[in-house]
Amino acid sequence: VLDISLTGTFRCVRAAGQRMVAAGKK
């Protein structure tokens, strides 16, 4: 439950954040 609901959310926040920062997207 923790890996999907919490850590999975973390993985997606990190991945999306990295791409947005790299592209200069707000």
PDB file of all heavy atoms in Angstrom:
ATOM      1  N   VAL A   1       0.833  -1.206   0.000  1.00  0.00           N
ATOM      2  CA  VAL A   1       0.000   0.000   0.000  1.00  0.00           C
ATOM      3  C   VAL A   1       0.865   1.252   0.000  1.00  0.00           C
ATOM      4  O   VAL A   1       0.613   2.208  -0.744  1.00  0.00           O
ATOM      5  CB  VAL A   1      -0.964   0.001   1.207  1.00  0.00           C
ATOM      6  CG1 VAL A   1      -1.652   1.354   1.365  1.00  0.00           C
ATOM      7  CG2 VAL A   1      -2.005  -1.100   1.040  1.00  0.00           C
ATOM      8  N   LEU A   2       1.919   1.268   0.811  1.00  0.00           N
ATOM      9  CA  LEU A   2       2.798   2.441   0.875  1.00  0.00           C
ATOM     10  C   LEU A   2       3.555   2.636  -0.438  1.00  0.00           C
ATOM     11  O   LEU A   2       3.732   3.773  -0.901  1.00  0.00           O
ATOM     12  CB  LEU A   2       3.789   2.309   2.029  1.00  0.00           C
ATOM     13  CG  LEU A   2       3.396   2.898   3.384  1.00  0.00           C
ATOM     14  CD1 LEU A   2       3.409   4.425   3.335  1.00  0.00           C
ATOM     15  CD2 LEU A   2       2.058   2.392   3.874  1.00  0.00           C
ATOM     16  N   ASP A   3       4.000   1.544  -1.069  1.00  0.00           N
ATOM     17  CA  ASP A   3       4.796   1.674  -2.283  1.00  0.00           C
ATOM     18  C   ASP A   3       3.967   2.226  -3.436  1.00  0.00           C
ATOM     19  O   ASP A   3       4.446   3.048  -4.218  1.00  0.00           O
ATOM     20  CB  ASP A   3       5.397   0.322  -2.673  1.00  0.00           C
ATOM     21  CG  ASP A   3       6.535   0.459  -3.683  1.00  0.00           C
ATOM     22  OD1 ASP A   3       7.091   1.566  -3.821  1.00  0.00           O
ATOM     23  OD2 ASP A   3       6.870  -0.547  -4.336  1.00  0.00           O
ATOM     24  N   ILE A   4       2.715   1.788  -3.550  1.00  0.00           N
ATOM     25  CA  ILE A   4       1.869   2.289  -4.637  1.00  0.00           C
ATOM     26  C   ILE A   4       1.326   3.677  -4.314  1.00  0.00           C
ATOM     27  O   ILE A   4       1.462   4.617  -5.111  1.00  0.00           O
ATOM     28  CB  ILE A   4       0.708   1.305  -4.910  1.00  0.00           C
ATOM     29  CG1 ILE A   4       1.259  -0.009  -5.468  1.00  0.00           C
ATOM     30  CG2 ILE A   4      -0.302   1.925  -5.883  1.00  0.00           C
ATOM     31  CD1 ILE A   4       0.218  -1.100  -5.644  1.00  0.00           C
ATOM     32  N   SER A   5       0.737   3.834  -3.137  1.00  0.00           N
ATOM     33  CA  SER A   5       0.001   5.062  -2.834  1.00  0.00           C
ATOM     34  C   SER A   5       0.895   6.244  -2.487  1.00  0.00           C
ATOM     35  O   SER A   5       0.578   7.382  -2.848  1.00  0.00           O
ATOM     36  CB  SER A   5      -0.973   4.807  -1.672  1.00  0.00           C
ATOM     37  OG  SER A   5      -1.903   3.805  -2.009  1.00  0.00           O
ATOM     38  N   LEU A   6       2.002   6.007  -1.794  1.00  0.00           N
ATOM     39  CA  LEU A   6       2.885   7.109  -1.393  1.00  0.00           C
ATOM     40  C   LEU A   6       4.148   7.170  -2.246  1.00  0.00           C
ATOM     41  O   LEU A   6       4.413   8.177  -2.902  1.00  0.00           O
ATOM     42  CB  LEU A   6       3.257   6.983   0.087  1.00  0.00           C
ATOM     43  CG  LEU A   6       4.249   8.027   0.620  1.00  0.00           C
ATOM     44  CD1 LEU A   6       3.762   9.447   0.367  1.00  0.00           C
ATOM     45  CD2 LEU A   6       4.513   7.796   2.109  1.00  0.00           C
ATOM     46  N   THR A   7       4.925   6.089  -2.243  1.00  0.00           N
ATOM     47  CA  THR A   7       6.180   6.134  -2.990  1.00  0.00           C
ATOM     48  C   THR A   7       5.917   6.250  -4.492  1.00  0.00           C
ATOM     49  O   THR A   7       6.660   6.928  -5.207  1.00  0.00           O
ATOM     50  CB  THR A   7       7.044   4.904  -2.687  1.00  0.00           C
ATOM     51  OG1 THR A   7       7.137   4.736  -1.263  1.00  0.00           O
ATOM     52  CG2 THR A   7       8.443   5.063  -3.252  1.00  0.00           C
ATOM     53  N   GLY A   8       4.853   5.625  -4.975  1.00  0.00           N
ATOM     54  CA  GLY A   8       4.497   5.769  -6.383  1.00  0.00           C
ATOM     55  C   GLY A   8       4.171   7.211  -6.731  1.00  0.00           C
ATOM     56  O   GLY A   8       4.560   7.709  -7.795  1.00  0.00           O
ATOM     57  N   THR A   9       3.465   7.887  -5.842  1.00  0.00           N
ATOM     58  CA  THR A   9       3.168   9.303  -6.056  1.00  0.00           C
ATOM     59  C   THR A   9       4.454  10.108  -6.066  1.00  0.00           C
ATOM     60  O   THR A   9       4.645  11.004  -6.907  1.00  0.00           O
ATOM     61  CB  THR A   9       2.209   9.819  -4.970  1.00  0.00           C
ATOM     62  OG1 THR A   9       0.993   9.058  -5.009  1.00  0.00           O
ATOM     63  CG2 THR A   9       1.883  11.291  -5.171  1.00  0.00           C
ATOM     64  N   PHE A  10       5.374   9.809  -5.138  1.00  0.00           N
ATOM     65  CA  PHE A  10       6.677  10.473  -5.115  1.00  0.00           C
ATOM     66  C   PHE A  10       7.411  10.302  -6.439  1.00  0.00           C
ATOM     67  O   PHE A  10       7.965  11.259  -6.996  1.00  0.00           O
ATOM     68  CB  PHE A  10       7.518   9.926  -3.955  1.00  0.00           C
ATOM     69  CG  PHE A  10       9.004  10.034  -4.173  1.00  0.00           C
ATOM     70  CD1 PHE A  10       9.646  11.270  -4.124  1.00  0.00           C
ATOM     71  CD2 PHE A  10       9.758   8.908  -4.445  1.00  0.00           C
ATOM     72  CE1 PHE A  10      11.022  11.362  -4.342  1.00  0.00           C
ATOM     73  CE2 PHE A  10      11.122   8.984  -4.664  1.00  0.00           C
ATOM     74  CZ  PHE A  10      11.754  10.229  -4.613  1.00  0.00           C
ATOM     75  N   ARG A  11       7.435   9.071  -6.961  1.00  0.00           N
ATOM     76  CA  ARG A  11       8.141   8.820  -8.221  1.00  0.00           C
ATOM     77  C   ARG A  11       7.566   9.688  -9.348  1.00  0.00           C
ATOM     78  O   ARG A  11       8.305  10.209 -10.190  1.00  0.00           O
ATOM     79  CB  ARG A  11       8.033   7.340  -8.609  1.00  0.00           C
ATOM     80  CG  ARG A  11       8.787   6.390  -7.681  1.00  0.00           C
ATOM     81  CD  ARG A  11       8.744   4.960  -8.199  1.00  0.00           C
ATOM     82  NE  ARG A  11       9.361   4.058  -7.228  1.00  0.00           N
ATOM     83  CZ  ARG A  11       8.674   3.305  -6.368  1.00  0.00           C
ATOM     84  NH1 ARG A  11       7.349   3.323  -6.382  1.00  0.00           N
ATOM     85  NH2 ARG A  11       9.297   2.527  -5.501  1.00  0.00           N
ATOM     86  N   CYS A  12       6.251   9.810  -9.367  1.00  0.00           N
ATOM     87  CA  CYS A  12       5.608  10.589 -10.435  1.00  0.00           C
ATOM     88  C   CYS A  12       5.832  12.084 -10.250  1.00  0.00           C
ATOM     89  O   CYS A  12       6.039  12.804 -11.237  1.00  0.00           O
ATOM     90  CB  CYS A  12       4.115  10.277 -10.465  1.00  0.00           C
ATOM     91  SG  CYS A  12       3.717   8.593 -11.011  1.00  0.00           S
ATOM     92  N   VAL A  13       5.794  12.566  -9.005  1.00  0.00           N
ATOM     93  CA  VAL A  13       6.078  13.981  -8.748  1.00  0.00           C
ATOM     94  C   VAL A  13       7.507  14.305  -9.179  1.00  0.00           C
ATOM     95  O   VAL A  13       7.763  15.310  -9.852  1.00  0.00           O
ATOM     96  CB  VAL A  13       5.867  14.318  -7.264  1.00  0.00           C
ATOM     97  CG1 VAL A  13       6.385  15.726  -6.942  1.00  0.00           C
ATOM     98  CG2 VAL A  13       4.382  14.216  -6.883  1.00  0.00           C
ATOM     99  N   ARG A  14       8.435  13.439  -8.800  1.00  0.00           N
ATOM    100  CA  ARG A  14       9.842  13.670  -9.151  1.00  0.00           C
ATOM    101  C   ARG A  14      10.033  13.677 -10.664  1.00  0.00           C
ATOM    102  O   ARG A  14      10.666  14.594 -11.211  1.00  0.00           O
ATOM    103  CB  ARG A  14      10.713  12.593  -8.512  1.00  0.00           C
ATOM    104  CG  ARG A  14      12.197  12.722  -8.861  1.00  0.00           C
ATOM    105  CD  ARG A  14      13.023  11.643  -8.172  1.00  0.00           C
ATOM    106  NE  ARG A  14      12.606  10.293  -8.564  1.00  0.00           N
ATOM    107  CZ  ARG A  14      13.047   9.181  -7.986  1.00  0.00           C
ATOM    108  NH1 ARG A  14      13.907   9.246  -6.985  1.00  0.00           N
ATOM    109  NH2 ARG A  14      12.620   7.997  -8.399  1.00  0.00           N
ATOM    110  N   ALA A  15       9.490  12.676 -11.347  1.00  0.00           N
ATOM    111  CA  ALA A  15       9.684  12.568 -12.789  1.00  0.00           C
ATOM    112  C   ALA A  15       9.058  13.746 -13.526  1.00  0.00           C
ATOM    113  O   ALA A  15       9.669  14.321 -14.444  1.00  0.00           O
ATOM    114  CB  ALA A  15       9.097  11.256 -13.304  1.00  0.00           C
ATOM    115  N   ALA A  16       7.847  14.111 -13.144  1.00  0.00           N
ATOM    116  CA  ALA A  16       7.183  15.245 -13.798  1.00  0.00           C
ATOM    117  C   ALA A  16       7.911  16.545 -13.488  1.00  0.00           C
ATOM    118  O   ALA A  16       8.117  17.384 -14.371  1.00  0.00           O
ATOM    119  CB  ALA A  16       5.727  15.328 -13.357  1.00  0.00           C
ATOM    120  N   GLY A  17       8.302  16.716 -12.231  1.00  0.00           N
ATOM    121  CA  GLY A  17       9.016  17.930 -11.842  1.00  0.00           C
ATOM    122  C   GLY A  17      10.319  18.090 -12.599  1.00  0.00           C
ATOM    123  O   GLY A  17      10.651  19.192 -13.058  1.00  0.00           O
ATOM    124  N   GLN A  18      11.061  17.011 -12.747  1.00  0.00           N
ATOM    125  CA  GLN A  18      12.338  17.075 -13.472  1.00  0.00           C
ATOM    126  C   GLN A  18      12.133  17.507 -14.915  1.00  0.00           C
ATOM    127  O   GLN A  18      12.881  18.342 -15.441  1.00  0.00           O
ATOM    128  CB  GLN A  18      13.030  15.709 -13.419  1.00  0.00           C
ATOM    129  CG  GLN A  18      13.594  15.361 -12.056  1.00  0.00           C
ATOM    130  CD  GLN A  18      14.099  13.923 -11.976  1.00  0.00           C
ATOM    131  OE1 GLN A  18      13.749  13.074 -12.814  1.00  0.00           O
ATOM    132  NE2 GLN A  18      14.929  13.635 -10.982  1.00  0.00           N
ATOM    133  N   ARG A  19      11.115  16.965 -15.560  1.00  0.00           N
ATOM    134  CA  ARG A  19      10.869  17.309 -16.955  1.00  0.00           C
ATOM    135  C   ARG A  19      10.360  18.738 -17.113  1.00  0.00           C
ATOM    136  O   ARG A  19      10.735  19.437 -18.059  1.00  0.00           O
ATOM    137  CB  ARG A  19       9.900  16.299 -17.568  1.00  0.00           C
ATOM    138  CG  ARG A  19      10.599  14.982 -17.901  1.00  0.00           C
ATOM    139  CD  ARG A  19       9.619  13.833 -18.017  1.00  0.00           C
ATOM    140  NE  ARG A  19      10.308  12.605 -18.379  1.00  0.00           N
ATOM    141  CZ  ARG A  19      11.048  11.865 -17.548  1.00  0.00           C
ATOM    142  NH1 ARG A  19      11.206  12.252 -16.291  1.00  0.00           N
ATOM    143  NH2 ARG A  19      11.625  10.748 -17.958  1.00  0.00           N
ATOM    144  N   MET A  20       9.515  19.168 -16.199  1.00  0.00           N
ATOM    145  CA  MET A  20       9.024  20.545 -16.263  1.00  0.00           C
ATOM    146  C   MET A  20      10.160  21.549 -16.070  1.00  0.00           C
ATOM    147  O   MET A  20      10.264  22.543 -16.788  1.00  0.00           O
ATOM    148  CB  MET A  20       7.952  20.762 -15.198  1.00  0.00           C
ATOM    149  CG  MET A  20       6.643  20.054 -15.470  1.00  0.00           C
ATOM    150  SD  MET A  20       5.496  20.191 -14.069  1.00  0.00           S
ATOM    151  CE  MET A  20       4.109  19.204 -14.644  1.00  0.00           C
ATOM    152  N   VAL A  21      11.034  21.270 -15.109  1.00  0.00           N
ATOM    153  CA  VAL A  21      12.165  22.162 -14.857  1.00  0.00           C
ATOM    154  C   VAL A  21      13.087  22.196 -16.072  1.00  0.00           C
ATOM    155  O   VAL A  21      13.525  23.262 -16.530  1.00  0.00           O
ATOM    156  CB  VAL A  21      12.942  21.733 -13.596  1.00  0.00           C
ATOM    157  CG1 VAL A  21      14.249  22.502 -13.476  1.00  0.00           C
ATOM    158  CG2 VAL A  21      12.075  21.963 -12.345  1.00  0.00           C
ATOM    159  N   ALA A  22      13.391  21.024 -16.630  1.00  0.00           N
ATOM    160  CA  ALA A  22      14.295  20.952 -17.779  1.00  0.00           C
ATOM    161  C   ALA A  22      13.736  21.705 -18.983  1.00  0.00           C
ATOM    162  O   ALA A  22      14.491  22.311 -19.759  1.00  0.00           O
ATOM    163  CB  ALA A  22      14.549  19.494 -18.149  1.00  0.00           C
ATOM    164  N   ALA A  23      12.413  21.680 -19.139  1.00  0.00           N
ATOM    165  CA  ALA A  23      11.776  22.346 -20.280  1.00  0.00           C
ATOM    166  C   ALA A  23      11.436  23.802 -19.991  1.00  0.00           C
ATOM    167  O   ALA A  23      10.963  24.510 -20.881  1.00  0.00           O
ATOM    168  CB  ALA A  23      10.502  21.594 -20.664  1.00  0.00           C
ATOM    169  N   GLY A  24      11.650  24.240 -18.748  1.00  0.00           N
ATOM    170  CA  GLY A  24      11.299  25.603 -18.374  1.00  0.00           C
ATOM    171  C   GLY A  24       9.811  25.836 -18.318  1.00  0.00           C
ATOM    172  O   GLY A  24       9.335  26.967 -18.514  1.00  0.00           O
ATOM    173  N   LYS A  25       9.043  24.780 -18.028  1.00  0.00           N
ATOM    174  CA  LYS A  25       7.586  24.886 -17.988  1.00  0.00           C
ATOM    175  C   LYS A  25       7.101  25.206 -16.580  1.00  0.00           C
ATOM    176  O   LYS A  25       7.527  24.586 -15.614  1.00  0.00           O
ATOM    177  CB  LYS A  25       6.939  23.582 -18.463  1.00  0.00           C
ATOM    178  CG  LYS A  25       7.072  23.331 -19.946  1.00  0.00           C
ATOM    179  CD  LYS A  25       6.129  22.213 -20.370  1.00  0.00           C
ATOM    180  CE  LYS A  25       6.125  22.043 -21.878  1.00  0.00           C
ATOM    181  NZ  LYS A  25       5.068  21.123 -22.332  1.00  0.00           N
ATOM    182  N   LYS A  26       6.181  26.135 -16.484  1.00  0.00           N
ATOM    183  CA  LYS A  26       5.531  26.429 -15.204  1.00  0.00           C
ATOM    184  C   LYS A  26       4.309  25.524 -15.094  1.00  0.00           C
ATOM    185  O   LYS A  26       3.162  25.956 -15.258  1.00  0.00           O
ATOM    186  CB  LYS A  26       5.157  27.910 -15.134  1.00  0.00           C
ATOM    187  CG  LYS A  26       6.365  28.846 -15.229  1.00  0.00           C
ATOM    188  CD  LYS A  26       5.957  30.289 -15.094  1.00  0.00           C
ATOM    189  CE  LYS A  26       7.137  31.219 -15.319  1.00  0.00           C
ATOM    190  NZ  LYS A  26       8.245  30.994 -14.386  1.00  0.00           N
TER     191      LYS A  26
END
